Amino acid sequence: MLIRYKKNFEKIAMGLLSFMPEEKDVKKLQHTIKEYEVNPNWHLFLWKEDDIIGAIGISTEDEINAVIQHISVNPSHRNTGIGKRMVREAVKNFEEKYVVCPNDSTKRFYHKCSELLNG
C-alpha cells in the first residue's frame, strides 16, 4: 500500500531513491528529499508491505499535469510487480484532478506499465 512520506522515513526514502541513476550523488539526493519535504507541489509516497520497499515521487507541475519523477523499488523486491502497483495507485490518487505522465527518467518504466494502467 502507498503511504505518504514523513520525515521519520527520511533514511529509508533516501536509500530507495539512491537506486535511481540520477540520484546517486549524495548532495543531489539530499536536495531531492528536502524538496519533497518543503515543496507543496512535490509528493513522495512509499510502498509498504511488511517493510517499506518502494518509493514513487510525483510533482504537480500546473493545474493539469502531475509528473511521475521518481520510481524506485528495493532491488531484492524487483520483478514482482511492486513498481507497477505503485504506478497504478499513484495514478488512481491523482487522475481525478490531473493528467499523470512520466518525466524522462521514468518514461521507460511508465510505458511498460501502460497496459496495466489502461487495462
PDB file of N, CA and C in Angstrom:
ATOM      1  N   MET A   1       0.823  -1.169   0.000  1.00  0.00           N
ATOM      2  CA  MET A   1       0.000   0.000   0.000  1.00  0.00           C
ATOM      3  C   MET A   1       0.876   1.244   0.000  1.00  0.00           C
ATOM      4  N   LEU A   2       0.389   2.296  -0.640  1.00  0.00           N
ATOM      5  CA  LEU A   2       1.110   3.568  -0.663  1.00  0.00           C
ATOM      6  C   LEU A   2       0.847   4.328   0.621  1.00  0.00           C
ATOM      7  N   ILE A   3       1.924   4.847   1.210  1.00  0.00           N
ATOM      8  CA  ILE A   3       1.799   5.732   2.364  1.00  0.00           C
ATOM      9  C   ILE A   3       2.545   7.015   2.050  1.00  0.00           C
ATOM     10  N   ARG A   4       2.081   8.098   2.594  1.00  0.00           N
ATOM     11  CA  ARG A   4       2.713   9.391   2.361  1.00  0.00           C
ATOM     12  C   ARG A   4       4.033   9.458   3.129  1.00  0.00           C
ATOM     13  N   TYR A   5       5.047  10.026   2.489  1.00  0.00           N
ATOM     14  CA  TYR A   5       6.359  10.221   3.101  1.00  0.00           C
ATOM     15  C   TYR A   5       6.243  11.122   4.322  1.00  0.00           C
ATOM     16  N   LYS A   6       6.956  10.742   5.378  1.00  0.00           N
ATOM     17  CA  LYS A   6       7.104  11.572   6.574  1.00  0.00           C
ATOM     18  C   LYS A   6       8.597  11.666   6.876  1.00  0.00           C
ATOM     19  N   LYS A   7       8.980  12.710   7.586  1.00  0.00           N
ATOM     20  CA  LYS A   7      10.390  12.965   7.907  1.00  0.00           C
ATOM     21  C   LYS A   7      11.055  11.766   8.588  1.00  0.00           C
ATOM     22  N   ASN A   8      10.325  11.027   9.424  1.00  0.00           N
ATOM     23  CA  ASN A   8      10.944   9.889  10.107  1.00  0.00           C
ATOM     24  C   ASN A   8      11.257   8.728   9.155  1.00  0.00           C
ATOM     25  N   PHE A   9      10.826   8.811   7.898  1.00  0.00           N
ATOM     26  CA  PHE A   9      11.180   7.807   6.881  1.00  0.00           C
ATOM     27  C   PHE A   9      12.324   8.292   5.987  1.00  0.00           C
ATOM     28  N   GLU A  10      12.975   9.391   6.375  1.00  0.00           N
ATOM     29  CA  GLU A  10      13.964  10.030   5.508  1.00  0.00           C
ATOM     30  C   GLU A  10      15.073   9.071   5.054  1.00  0.00           C
ATOM     31  N   LYS A  11      15.675   8.331   5.962  1.00  0.00           N
ATOM     32  CA  LYS A  11      16.786   7.441   5.585  1.00  0.00           C
ATOM     33  C   LYS A  11      16.320   6.332   4.647  1.00  0.00           C
ATOM     34  N   ILE A  12      15.152   5.791   4.906  1.00  0.00           N
ATOM     35  CA  ILE A  12      14.604   4.742   4.041  1.00  0.00           C
ATOM     36  C   ILE A  12      14.341   5.314   2.652  1.00  0.00           C
ATOM     37  N   ALA A  13      13.703   6.480   2.606  1.00  0.00           N
ATOM     38  CA  ALA A  13      13.395   7.114   1.316  1.00  0.00           C
ATOM     39  C   ALA A  13      14.671   7.450   0.557  1.00  0.00           C
ATOM     40  N   MET A  14      15.676   7.974   1.244  1.00  0.00           N
ATOM     41  CA  MET A  14      16.947   8.287   0.584  1.00  0.00           C
ATOM     42  C   MET A  14      17.595   7.021   0.036  1.00  0.00           C
ATOM     43  N   GLY A  15      17.537   5.955   0.799  1.00  0.00           N
ATOM     44  CA  GLY A  15      18.095   4.688   0.334  1.00  0.00           C
ATOM     45  C   GLY A  15      17.405   4.193  -0.923  1.00  0.00           C
ATOM     46  N   LEU A  16      16.087   4.277  -0.946  1.00  0.00           N
ATOM     47  CA  LEU A  16      15.333   3.827  -2.121  1.00  0.00           C
ATOM     48  C   LEU A  16      15.599   4.715  -3.333  1.00  0.00           C
ATOM     49  N   LEU A  17      15.572   6.033  -3.137  1.00  0.00           N
ATOM     50  CA  LEU A  17      15.811   6.943  -4.263  1.00  0.00           C
ATOM     51  C   LEU A  17      17.237   6.837  -4.777  1.00  0.00           C
ATOM     52  N   SER A  18      18.175   6.444  -3.928  1.00  0.00           N
ATOM     53  CA  SER A  18      19.579   6.336  -4.365  1.00  0.00           C
ATOM     54  C   SER A  18      19.779   5.238  -5.405  1.00  0.00           C
ATOM     55  N   PHE A  19      18.807   4.349  -5.571  1.00  0.00           N
ATOM     56  CA  PHE A  19      18.906   3.317  -6.613  1.00  0.00           C
ATOM     57  C   PHE A  19      18.677   3.894  -8.004  1.00  0.00           C
ATOM     58  N   MET A  20      18.137   5.117  -8.076  1.00  0.00           N
ATOM     59  CA  MET A  20      17.928   5.760  -9.377  1.00  0.00           C
ATOM     60  C   MET A  20      19.238   6.403  -9.812  1.00  0.00           C
ATOM     61  N   PRO A  21      19.659   6.189 -11.057  1.00  0.00           N
ATOM     62  CA  PRO A  21      20.964   6.697 -11.521  1.00  0.00           C
ATOM     63  C   PRO A  21      21.180   8.194 -11.288  1.00  0.00           C
ATOM     64  N   GLU A  22      20.144   9.018 -11.504  1.00  0.00           N
ATOM     65  CA  GLU A  22      20.328  10.460 -11.348  1.00  0.00           C
ATOM     66  C   GLU A  22      20.344  10.907  -9.886  1.00  0.00           C
ATOM     67  N   GLU A  23      20.116   9.994  -8.955  1.00  0.00           N
ATOM     68  CA  GLU A  23      20.122  10.333  -7.526  1.00  0.00           C
ATOM     69  C   GLU A  23      21.300   9.697  -6.787  1.00  0.00           C
ATOM     70  N   LYS A  24      22.327   9.286  -7.506  1.00  0.00           N
ATOM     71  CA  LYS A  24      23.486   8.638  -6.877  1.00  0.00           C
ATOM     72  C   LYS A  24      24.293   9.609  -6.018  1.00  0.00           C
ATOM     73  N   ASP A  25      24.417  10.867  -6.459  1.00  0.00           N
ATOM     74  CA  ASP A  25      25.197  11.860  -5.733  1.00  0.00           C
ATOM     75  C   ASP A  25      24.467  12.232  -4.433  1.00  0.00           C
ATOM     76  N   VAL A  26      25.174  12.182  -3.303  1.00  0.00           N
ATOM     77  CA  VAL A  26      24.565  12.414  -2.003  1.00  0.00           C
ATOM     78  C   VAL A  26      23.968  13.817  -1.899  1.00  0.00           C
ATOM     79  N   LYS A  27      24.666  14.815  -2.393  1.00  0.00           N
ATOM     80  CA  LYS A  27      24.145  16.187  -2.324  1.00  0.00           C
ATOM     81  C   LYS A  27      22.859  16.327  -3.146  1.00  0.00           C
ATOM     82  N   LYS A  28      22.824  15.727  -4.312  1.00  0.00           N
ATOM     83  CA  LYS A  28      21.629  15.754  -5.162  1.00  0.00           C
ATOM     84  C   LYS A  28      20.478  15.045  -4.452  1.00  0.00           C
ATOM     85  N   LEU A  29      20.776  13.909  -3.861  1.00  0.00           N
ATOM     86  CA  LEU A  29      19.768  13.129  -3.146  1.00  0.00           C
ATOM     87  C   LEU A  29      19.214  13.915  -1.948  1.00  0.00           C
ATOM     88  N   GLN A  30      20.081  14.562  -1.202  1.00  0.00           N
ATOM     89  CA  GLN A  30      19.635  15.378  -0.067  1.00  0.00           C
ATOM     90  C   GLN A  30      18.741  16.529  -0.540  1.00  0.00           C
ATOM     91  N   HIS A  31      19.118  17.141  -1.654  1.00  0.00           N
ATOM     92  CA  HIS A  31      18.312  18.227  -2.218  1.00  0.00           C
ATOM     93  C   HIS A  31      16.934  17.704  -2.637  1.00  0.00           C
ATOM     94  N   THR A  32      16.897  16.535  -3.254  1.00  0.00           N
ATOM     95  CA  THR A  32      15.631  15.940  -3.694  1.00  0.00           C
ATOM     96  C   THR A  32      14.717  15.675  -2.497  1.00  0.00           C
ATOM     97  N   ILE A  33      15.248  15.064  -1.457  1.00  0.00           N
ATOM     98  CA  ILE A  33      14.445  14.772  -0.259  1.00  0.00           C
ATOM     99  C   ILE A  33      13.939  16.069   0.363  1.00  0.00           C
ATOM    100  N   LYS A  34      14.802  17.061   0.441  1.00  0.00           N
ATOM    101  CA  LYS A  34      14.407  18.357   1.009  1.00  0.00           C
ATOM    102  C   LYS A  34      13.260  18.965   0.195  1.00  0.00           C
ATOM    103  N   GLU A  35      13.348  18.841  -1.122  1.00  0.00           N
ATOM    104  CA  GLU A  35      12.290  19.370  -1.995  1.00  0.00           C
ATOM    105  C   GLU A  35      10.952  18.687  -1.694  1.00  0.00           C
ATOM    106  N   TYR A  36      10.983  17.370  -1.486  1.00  0.00           N
ATOM    107  CA  TYR A  36       9.751  16.655  -1.146  1.00  0.00           C
ATOM    108  C   TYR A  36       9.206  17.117   0.206  1.00  0.00           C
ATOM    109  N   GLU A  37      10.084  17.524   1.098  1.00  0.00           N
ATOM    110  CA  GLU A  37       9.644  17.959   2.424  1.00  0.00           C
ATOM    111  C   GLU A  37       9.063  19.373   2.430  1.00  0.00           C
ATOM    112  N   VAL A  38       9.597  20.263   1.601  1.00  0.00           N
ATOM    113  CA  VAL A  38       9.189  21.671   1.694  1.00  0.00           C
ATOM    114  C   VAL A  38       8.310  22.161   0.544  1.00  0.00           C
ATOM    115  N   ASN A  39       8.370  21.534  -0.606  1.00  0.00           N
ATOM    116  CA  ASN A  39       7.607  21.994  -1.760  1.00  0.00           C
ATOM    117  C   ASN A  39       6.217  21.349  -1.749  1.00  0.00           C
ATOM    118  N   PRO A  40       5.168  22.146  -1.637  1.00  0.00           N
ATOM    119  CA  PRO A  40       3.814  21.574  -1.589  1.00  0.00           C
ATOM    120  C   PRO A  40       3.373  20.917  -2.895  1.00  0.00           C
ATOM    121  N   ASN A  41       4.121  21.141  -3.978  1.00  0.00           N
ATOM    122  CA  ASN A  41       3.780  20.523  -5.263  1.00  0.00           C
ATOM    123  C   ASN A  41       4.517  19.210  -5.496  1.00  0.00           C
ATOM    124  N   TRP A  42       5.377  18.828  -4.573  1.00  0.00           N
ATOM    125  CA  TRP A  42       6.115  17.569  -4.687  1.00  0.00           C
ATOM    126  C   TRP A  42       5.544  16.593  -3.659  1.00  0.00           C
ATOM    127  N   HIS A  43       5.206  15.396  -4.122  1.00  0.00           N
ATOM    128  CA  HIS A  43       4.555  14.397  -3.277  1.00  0.00           C
ATOM    129  C   HIS A  43       5.330  13.081  -3.361  1.00  0.00           C
ATOM    130  N   LEU A  44       5.840  12.621  -2.236  1.00  0.00           N
ATOM    131  CA  LEU A  44       6.576  11.361  -2.196  1.00  0.00           C
ATOM    132  C   LEU A  44       5.748  10.346  -1.430  1.00  0.00           C
ATOM    133  N   PHE A  45       5.613   9.174  -2.029  1.00  0.00           N
ATOM    134  CA  PHE A  45       4.888   8.075  -1.408  1.00  0.00           C
ATOM    135  C   PHE A  45       5.813   6.877  -1.299  1.00  0.00           C
ATOM    136  N   LEU A  46       5.628   6.102  -0.257  1.00  0.00           N
ATOM    137  CA  LEU A  46       6.419   4.896  -0.035  1.00  0.00           C
ATOM    138  C   LEU A  46       5.491   3.699  -0.123  1.00  0.00           C
ATOM    139  N   TRP A  47       6.025   2.589  -0.642  1.00  0.00           N
ATOM    140  CA  TRP A  47       5.238   1.362  -0.753  1.00  0.00           C
ATOM    141  C   TRP A  47       5.588   0.480   0.433  1.00  0.00           C
ATOM    142  N   LYS A  48       4.570   0.160   1.224  1.00  0.00           N
ATOM    143  CA  LYS A  48       4.781  -0.631   2.433  1.00  0.00           C
ATOM    144  C   LYS A  48       4.030  -1.941   2.333  1.00  0.00           C
ATOM    145  N   GLU A  49       4.769  -2.985   2.554  1.00  0.00           N
ATOM    146  CA  GLU A  49       4.158  -4.302   2.738  1.00  0.00           C
ATOM    147  C   GLU A  49       4.508  -4.662   4.184  1.00  0.00           C
ATOM    148  N   ASP A  50       5.365  -5.636   4.428  1.00  0.00           N
ATOM    149  CA  ASP A  50       5.872  -5.825   5.793  1.00  0.00           C
ATOM    150  C   ASP A  50       6.855  -4.712   6.123  1.00  0.00           C
ATOM    151  N   ASP A  51       7.653  -4.337   5.146  1.00  0.00           N
ATOM    152  CA  ASP A  51       8.620  -3.253   5.258  1.00  0.00           C
ATOM    153  C   ASP A  51       8.352  -2.252   4.142  1.00  0.00           C
ATOM    154  N   ILE A  52       9.029  -1.126   4.205  1.00  0.00           N
ATOM    155  CA  ILE A  52       8.951  -0.156   3.108  1.00  0.00           C
ATOM    156  C   ILE A  52       9.940  -0.599   2.045  1.00  0.00           C
ATOM    157  N   ILE A  53       9.434  -0.863   0.834  1.00  0.00           N
ATOM    158  CA  ILE A  53      10.286  -1.455  -0.199  1.00  0.00           C
ATOM    159  C   ILE A  53      10.259  -0.696  -1.520  1.00  0.00           C
ATOM    160  N   GLY A  54       9.523   0.410  -1.576  1.00  0.00           N
ATOM    161  CA  GLY A  54       9.472   1.180  -2.813  1.00  0.00           C
ATOM    162  C   GLY A  54       9.140   2.629  -2.549  1.00  0.00           C
ATOM    163  N   ALA A  55       9.428   3.463  -3.545  1.00  0.00           N
ATOM    164  CA  ALA A  55       9.116   4.891  -3.459  1.00  0.00           C
ATOM    165  C   ALA A  55       8.687   5.391  -4.829  1.00  0.00           C
ATOM    166  N   ILE A  56       7.738   6.305  -4.823  1.00  0.00           N
ATOM    167  CA  ILE A  56       7.305   6.954  -6.056  1.00  0.00           C
ATOM    168  C   ILE A  56       7.060   8.423  -5.742  1.00  0.00           C
ATOM    169  N   GLY A  57       7.628   9.277  -6.570  1.00  0.00           N
ATOM    170  CA  GLY A  57       7.507  10.716  -6.360  1.00  0.00           C
ATOM    171  C   GLY A  57       6.813  11.381  -7.525  1.00  0.00           C
ATOM    172  N   ILE A  58       5.902  12.278  -7.210  1.00  0.00           N
ATOM    173  CA  ILE A  58       5.104  12.972  -8.220  1.00  0.00           C
ATOM    174  C   ILE A  58       5.137  14.464  -7.931  1.00  0.00           C
ATOM    175  N   SER A  59       5.288  15.248  -8.995  1.00  0.00           N
ATOM    176  CA  SER A  59       5.173  16.693  -8.833  1.00  0.00           C
ATOM    177  C   SER A  59       3.976  17.176  -9.639  1.00  0.00           C
ATOM    178  N   THR A  60       3.218  18.062  -9.037  1.00  0.00           N
ATOM    179  CA  THR A  60       2.111  18.691  -9.756  1.00  0.00           C
ATOM    180  C   THR A  60       2.682  19.961 -10.365  1.00  0.00           C
ATOM    181  N   GLU A  61       2.871  19.911 -11.672  1.00  0.00           N
ATOM    182  CA  GLU A  61       3.568  20.972 -12.395  1.00  0.00           C
ATOM    183  C   GLU A  61       2.708  22.216 -12.591  1.00  0.00           C
ATOM    184  N   ASP A  62       1.422  22.012 -12.777  1.00  0.00           N
ATOM    185  CA  ASP A  62       0.482  23.103 -13.016  1.00  0.00           C
ATOM    186  C   ASP A  62      -0.895  22.595 -12.621  1.00  0.00           C
ATOM    187  N   GLU A  63      -1.927  23.225 -13.088  1.00  0.00           N
ATOM    188  CA  GLU A  63      -3.293  22.826 -12.727  1.00  0.00           C
ATOM    189  C   GLU A  63      -3.750  21.560 -13.456  1.00  0.00           C
ATOM    190  N   ILE A  64      -2.960  21.089 -14.422  1.00  0.00           N
ATOM    191  CA  ILE A  64      -3.390  19.968 -15.256  1.00  0.00           C
ATOM    192  C   ILE A  64      -2.496  18.735 -15.104  1.00  0.00           C
ATOM    193  N   ASN A  65      -1.184  18.920 -15.052  1.00  0.00           N
ATOM    194  CA  ASN A  65      -0.241  17.804 -15.140  1.00  0.00           C
ATOM    195  C   ASN A  65       0.373  17.417 -13.804  1.00  0.00           C
ATOM    196  N   ALA A  66       0.417  16.114 -13.575  1.00  0.00           N
ATOM    197  CA  ALA A  66       1.143  15.530 -12.459  1.00  0.00           C
ATOM    198  C   ALA A  66       2.211  14.638 -13.087  1.00  0.00           C
ATOM    199  N   VAL A  67       3.468  14.882 -12.743  1.00  0.00           N
ATOM    200  CA  VAL A  67       4.588  14.196 -13.386  1.00  0.00           C
ATOM    201  C   VAL A  67       5.224  13.207 -12.419  1.00  0.00           C
ATOM    202  N   ILE A  68       5.290  11.948 -12.845  1.00  0.00           N
ATOM    203  CA  ILE A  68       5.998  10.940 -12.057  1.00  0.00           C
ATOM    204  C   ILE A  68       7.485  11.160 -12.289  1.00  0.00           C
ATOM    205  N   GLN A  69       8.189  11.577 -11.234  1.00  0.00           N
ATOM    206  CA  GLN A  69       9.593  11.914 -11.393  1.00  0.00           C
ATOM    207  C   GLN A  69      10.536  10.903 -10.753  1.00  0.00           C
ATOM    208  N   HIS A  70      10.047  10.063  -9.876  1.00  0.00           N
ATOM    209  CA  HIS A  70      10.872   9.019  -9.274  1.00  0.00           C
ATOM    210  C   HIS A  70      10.048   7.746  -9.127  1.00  0.00           C
ATOM    211  N   ILE A  71      10.647   6.620  -9.471  1.00  0.00           N
ATOM    212  CA  ILE A  71      10.079   5.297  -9.196  1.00  0.00           C
ATOM    213  C   ILE A  71      11.257   4.421  -8.804  1.00  0.00           C
ATOM    214  N   SER A  72      11.191   3.844  -7.627  1.00  0.00           N
ATOM    215  CA  SER A  72      12.300   3.004  -7.183  1.00  0.00           C
ATOM    216  C   SER A  72      11.782   1.875  -6.300  1.00  0.00           C
ATOM    217  N   VAL A  73      12.319   0.690  -6.522  1.00  0.00           N
ATOM    218  CA  VAL A  73      11.970  -0.488  -5.730  1.00  0.00           C
ATOM    219  C   VAL A  73      13.269  -1.109  -5.221  1.00  0.00           C
ATOM    220  N   ASN A  74      13.257  -1.519  -3.969  1.00  0.00           N
ATOM    221  CA  ASN A  74      14.400  -2.221  -3.397  1.00  0.00           C
ATOM    222  C   ASN A  74      14.794  -3.366  -4.340  1.00  0.00           C
ATOM    223  N   PRO A  75      16.073  -3.469  -4.702  1.00  0.00           N
ATOM    224  CA  PRO A  75      16.489  -4.499  -5.676  1.00  0.00           C
ATOM    225  C   PRO A  75      16.068  -5.923  -5.319  1.00  0.00           C
ATOM    226  N   SER A  76      15.991  -6.252  -4.049  1.00  0.00           N
ATOM    227  CA  SER A  76      15.601  -7.613  -3.686  1.00  0.00           C
ATOM    228  C   SER A  76      14.109  -7.873  -3.877  1.00  0.00           C
ATOM    229  N   HIS A  77      13.347  -6.840  -4.219  1.00  0.00           N
ATOM    230  CA  HIS A  77      11.906  -6.990  -4.449  1.00  0.00           C
ATOM    231  C   HIS A  77      11.510  -6.639  -5.882  1.00  0.00           C
ATOM    232  N   ARG A  78      12.477  -6.480  -6.747  1.00  0.00           N
ATOM    233  CA  ARG A  78      12.172  -6.132  -8.138  1.00  0.00           C
ATOM    234  C   ARG A  78      11.626  -7.338  -8.891  1.00  0.00           C
ATOM    235  N   ASN A  79      10.967  -7.048  -9.993  1.00  0.00           N
ATOM    236  CA  ASN A  79      10.358  -8.060 -10.861  1.00  0.00           C
ATOM    237  C   ASN A  79       9.263  -8.851 -10.160  1.00  0.00           C
ATOM    238  N   THR A  80       8.604  -8.219  -9.197  1.00  0.00           N
ATOM    239  CA  THR A  80       7.479  -8.858  -8.506  1.00  0.00           C
ATOM    240  C   THR A  80       6.185  -8.053  -8.667  1.00  0.00           C
ATOM    241  N   GLY A  81       6.217  -6.992  -9.486  1.00  0.00           N
ATOM    242  CA  GLY A  81       5.026  -6.202  -9.747  1.00  0.00           C
ATOM    243  C   GLY A  81       4.828  -5.011  -8.820  1.00  0.00           C
ATOM    244  N   ILE A  82       5.754  -4.774  -7.914  1.00  0.00           N
ATOM    245  CA  ILE A  82       5.597  -3.670  -6.962  1.00  0.00           C
ATOM    246  C   ILE A  82       5.630  -2.328  -7.671  1.00  0.00           C
ATOM    247  N   GLY A  83       6.553  -2.140  -8.588  1.00  0.00           N
ATOM    248  CA  GLY A  83       6.624  -0.884  -9.324  1.00  0.00           C
ATOM    249  C   GLY A  83       5.329  -0.596 -10.068  1.00  0.00           C
ATOM    250  N   LYS A  84       4.777  -1.608 -10.708  1.00  0.00           N
ATOM    251  CA  LYS A  84       3.511  -1.435 -11.431  1.00  0.00           C
ATOM    252  C   LYS A  84       2.376  -1.096 -10.477  1.00  0.00           C
ATOM    253  N   ARG A  85       2.355  -1.744  -9.315  1.00  0.00           N
ATOM    254  CA  ARG A  85       1.301  -1.442  -8.339  1.00  0.00           C
ATOM    255  C   ARG A  85       1.447  -0.015  -7.809  1.00  0.00           C
ATOM    256  N   MET A  86       2.688   0.428  -7.601  1.00  0.00           N
ATOM    257  CA  MET A  86       2.909   1.807  -7.146  1.00  0.00           C
ATOM    258  C   MET A  86       2.398   2.799  -8.183  1.00  0.00           C
ATOM    259  N   VAL A  87       2.728   2.561  -9.448  1.00  0.00           N
ATOM    260  CA  VAL A  87       2.276   3.454 -10.518  1.00  0.00           C
ATOM    261  C   VAL A  87       0.752   3.460 -10.582  1.00  0.00           C
ATOM    262  N   ARG A  88       0.146   2.288 -10.527  1.00  0.00           N
ATOM    263  CA  ARG A  88      -1.322   2.190 -10.597  1.00  0.00           C
ATOM    264  C   ARG A  88      -1.975   2.967  -9.454  1.00  0.00           C
ATOM    265  N   GLU A  89      -1.482   2.799  -8.236  1.00  0.00           N
ATOM    266  CA  GLU A  89      -2.054   3.501  -7.084  1.00  0.00           C
ATOM    267  C   GLU A  89      -1.825   5.006  -7.170  1.00  0.00           C
ATOM    268  N   ALA A  90      -0.639   5.407  -7.600  1.00  0.00           N
ATOM    269  CA  ALA A  90      -0.348   6.837  -7.721  1.00  0.00           C
ATOM    270  C   ALA A  90      -1.249   7.481  -8.774  1.00  0.00           C
ATOM    271  N   VAL A  91      -1.402   6.824  -9.905  1.00  0.00           N
ATOM    272  CA  VAL A  91      -2.280   7.348 -10.954  1.00  0.00           C
ATOM    273  C   VAL A  91      -3.706   7.454 -10.425  1.00  0.00           C
ATOM    274  N   LYS A  92      -4.167   6.432  -9.724  1.00  0.00           N
ATOM    275  CA  LYS A  92      -5.510   6.440  -9.168  1.00  0.00           C
ATOM    276  C   LYS A  92      -5.694   7.628  -8.208  1.00  0.00           C
ATOM    277  N   ASN A  93      -4.669   7.943  -7.423  1.00  0.00           N
ATOM    278  CA  ASN A  93      -4.747   9.048  -6.461  1.00  0.00           C
ATOM    279  C   ASN A  93      -4.806  10.419  -7.136  1.00  0.00           C
ATOM    280  N   PHE A  94      -4.211  10.534  -8.321  1.00  0.00           N
ATOM    281  CA  PHE A  94      -4.093  11.845  -8.968  1.00  0.00           C
ATOM    282  C   PHE A  94      -4.993  12.036 -10.182  1.00  0.00           C
ATOM    283  N   GLU A  95      -5.531  10.954 -10.763  1.00  0.00           N
ATOM    284  CA  GLU A  95      -6.192  11.062 -12.058  1.00  0.00           C
ATOM    285  C   GLU A  95      -7.493  11.854 -12.056  1.00  0.00           C
ATOM    286  N   GLU A  96      -8.135  12.034 -10.916  1.00  0.00           N
ATOM    287  CA  GLU A  96      -9.366  12.829 -10.907  1.00  0.00           C
ATOM    288  C   GLU A  96      -9.090  14.296 -11.184  1.00  0.00           C
ATOM    289  N   LYS A  97      -7.918  14.777 -10.774  1.00  0.00           N
ATOM    290  CA  LYS A  97      -7.611  16.199 -10.900  1.00  0.00           C
ATOM    291  C   LYS A  97      -6.530  16.492 -11.943  1.00  0.00           C
ATOM    292  N   TYR A  98      -5.701  15.517 -12.259  1.00  0.00           N
ATOM    293  CA  TYR A  98      -4.542  15.749 -13.122  1.00  0.00           C
ATOM    294  C   TYR A  98      -4.431  14.691 -14.220  1.00  0.00           C
ATOM    295  N   VAL A  99      -3.699  15.061 -15.264  1.00  0.00           N
ATOM    296  CA  VAL A  99      -3.247  14.103 -16.255  1.00  0.00           C
ATOM    297  C   VAL A  99      -1.880  13.640 -15.757  1.00  0.00           C
ATOM    298  N   VAL A 100      -1.755  12.367 -15.483  1.00  0.00           N
ATOM    299  CA  VAL A 100      -0.499  11.828 -14.941  1.00  0.00           C
ATOM    300  C   VAL A 100       0.382  11.382 -16.095  1.00  0.00           C
ATOM    301  N   CYS A 101       1.638  11.814 -16.066  1.00  0.00           N
ATOM    302  CA  CYS A 101       2.576  11.460 -17.121  1.00  0.00           C
ATOM    303  C   CYS A 101       3.971  11.275 -16.501  1.00  0.00           C
ATOM    304  N   PRO A 102       4.855  10.602 -17.195  1.00  0.00           N
ATOM    305  CA  PRO A 102       6.213  10.402 -16.679  1.00  0.00           C
ATOM    306  C   PRO A 102       7.134  11.540 -17.106  1.00  0.00           C
ATOM    307  N   ASN A 103       8.288  11.633 -16.453  1.00  0.00           N
ATOM    308  CA  ASN A 103       9.351  12.512 -16.945  1.00  0.00           C
ATOM    309  C   ASN A 103      10.339  11.647 -17.734  1.00  0.00           C
ATOM    310  N   ASP A 104      11.445  12.227 -18.173  1.00  0.00           N
ATOM    311  CA  ASP A 104      12.396  11.466 -18.988  1.00  0.00           C
ATOM    312  C   ASP A 104      12.965  10.252 -18.256  1.00  0.00           C
ATOM    313  N   SER A 105      13.222  10.385 -16.955  1.00  0.00           N
ATOM    314  CA  SER A 105      13.852   9.270 -16.243  1.00  0.00           C
ATOM    315  C   SER A 105      12.868   8.165 -15.865  1.00  0.00           C
ATOM    316  N   THR A 106      11.568   8.434 -15.901  1.00  0.00           N
ATOM    317  CA  THR A 106      10.594   7.395 -15.539  1.00  0.00           C
ATOM    318  C   THR A 106       9.769   6.898 -16.715  1.00  0.00           C
ATOM    319  N   LYS A 107       9.944   7.499 -17.897  1.00  0.00           N
ATOM    320  CA  LYS A 107       9.043   7.158 -19.006  1.00  0.00           C
ATOM    321  C   LYS A 107       9.180   5.716 -19.490  1.00  0.00           C
ATOM    322  N   ARG A 108      10.380   5.159 -19.496  1.00  0.00           N
ATOM    323  CA  ARG A 108      10.519   3.768 -19.960  1.00  0.00           C
ATOM    324  C   ARG A 108       9.702   2.818 -19.092  1.00  0.00           C
ATOM    325  N   PHE A 109       9.858   2.959 -17.779  1.00  0.00           N
ATOM    326  CA  PHE A 109       9.111   2.073 -16.890  1.00  0.00           C
ATOM    327  C   PHE A 109       7.618   2.371 -16.955  1.00  0.00           C
ATOM    328  N   TYR A 110       7.252   3.646 -16.992  1.00  0.00           N
ATOM    329  CA  TYR A 110       5.842   4.037 -17.056  1.00  0.00           C
ATOM    330  C   TYR A 110       5.165   3.416 -18.282  1.00  0.00           C
ATOM    331  N   HIS A 111       5.838   3.450 -19.420  1.00  0.00           N
ATOM    332  CA  HIS A 111       5.243   2.881 -20.633  1.00  0.00           C
ATOM    333  C   HIS A 111       5.141   1.362 -20.560  1.00  0.00           C
ATOM    334  N   LYS A 112       6.029   0.725 -19.811  1.00  0.00           N
ATOM    335  CA  LYS A 112       5.879  -0.719 -19.573  1.00  0.00           C
ATOM    336  C   LYS A 112       4.602  -0.995 -18.791  1.00  0.00           C
ATOM    337  N   CYS A 113       4.221  -0.043 -17.944  1.00  0.00           N
ATOM    338  CA  CYS A 113       3.023  -0.186 -17.120  1.00  0.00           C
ATOM    339  C   CYS A 113       1.751   0.202 -17.870  1.00  0.00           C
ATOM    340  N   SER A 114       1.871   0.808 -19.052  1.00  0.00           N
ATOM    341  CA  SER A 114       0.696   1.366 -19.721  1.00  0.00           C
ATOM    342  C   SER A 114      -0.395   0.335 -19.976  1.00  0.00           C
ATOM    343  N   GLU A 115      -0.021  -0.882 -20.284  1.00  0.00           N
ATOM    344  CA  GLU A 115      -1.026  -1.927 -20.490  1.00  0.00           C
ATOM    345  C   GLU A 115      -1.817  -2.164 -19.219  1.00  0.00           C
ATOM    346  N   LEU A 116      -1.124  -2.204 -18.108  1.00  0.00           N
ATOM    347  CA  LEU A 116      -1.777  -2.375 -16.815  1.00  0.00           C
ATOM    348  C   LEU A 116      -2.677  -1.194 -16.504  1.00  0.00           C
ATOM    349  N   LEU A 117      -2.191   0.006 -16.779  1.00  0.00           N
ATOM    350  CA  LEU A 117      -2.947   1.219 -16.460  1.00  0.00           C
ATOM    351  C   LEU A 117      -4.194   1.358 -17.331  1.00  0.00           C
ATOM    352  N   ASN A 118      -4.099   0.921 -18.569  1.00  0.00           N
ATOM    353  CA  ASN A 118      -5.229   1.069 -19.482  1.00  0.00           C
ATOM    354  C   ASN A 118      -6.141  -0.144 -19.498  1.00  0.00           C
ATOM    355  N   GLY A 119      -5.713  -1.199 -18.833  1.00  0.00           N
ATOM    356  CA  GLY A 119      -6.498  -2.431 -18.872  1.00  0.00           C
ATOM    357  C   GLY A 119      -7.427  -2.614 -17.721  1.00  0.00           C
TER     358      GLY A 119
END
